[in-house]
Amino acid sequence: MVEISDLGIRYARAVAVHRIIVPLGVELGPEGSLLRVEGDEAHHAVRVKRLEVGDAVELLDGRGGRARALIKSIAKHGKHGWSVELAIAKIAREDRARVMVEVYAAAAKGERLEEMVDALSQLGADLFHPLLTERSIVDPREGKLERLRRTALESMKQCGRAWPLEIGEPVKLAEVMSRASSPRVLLCAADATGGEIPKIGDSIERVLLLVGPEGGWSPAELNLFGSSSAALVRCAGNTLRVETAAVAVTTLVVDRLAAGRRR
């Protein structure tokens, strides 16, 4: 049930609230002000979701801001263009997570990589980099990375997170390990090697999850890990696809962090 009364307008309807991502650089607010949204977001709201004047929506700016708003007017521009004018009723700000969860995983083939990014976003991971290892098969180029960024934004709108999953450039394993001195580093192979997830101390601000390819870590990479403080963890008793391993270890870590906050 949705109710917005801050502007002297009361509207209730037993449907899920539709979310709209406002354009980059657009400020949410102040409360009581009007905001116009055009382009793909307006088209999706009007033509796909069939929203109408009086419907309530949630606005996300991708920088921690979210606002409840009411559709004041809808206008058509040309053959396919639409604009939606929104009255902002209530604004809230969310800080980034205290512990950042960063996933460095070997890239899966085709749509499997986009599905992995979507799942990582829903789970609450903060950063994803395709990881280049000796046995990696896929090295995503800029076109693929741009599609992953769009996937992350679409997932942000679907699951309602205030900050999107950031998509970084492909990075070599040695480079990640060279700058991983302060955060907690957990290594996950697609096979069944490793142990349980160790304790994540209260002083840790970043957890790096390194997920190897389905061919496993090479002997040289295992030697590199052996000279570090990284912990090799097991996601399951079976050999997993890389995207399954990435989602599994992220789920375990996010749950561990949530349990720590509840204590």
Foldseek 3Di string as FASTA:
>chain_A
DDFFCQQPDTDDDPDDAAEAAADAPDDDDDAQDKDKGKDPRLLCVCVVVVDDFQGWHWYAHQQFKIFIWGFHDKDADPDRIIMTMIHTHDMDGDDQDQAAEEEAFAADDDCLRLVLLLLLFLLPHAEYAHEDAPPRDDQDDPVVQVVSVVSQVVSCRVNVDRHTRYYDHYDYPVVCLVPPQQAAEEEEELAFDFAADDDHDPVHRYYYYYYYALVTHDPVVVVVVVVGPYGYHGQDNGRHHRSVRRSSVSNVVSVNVVVVVVD
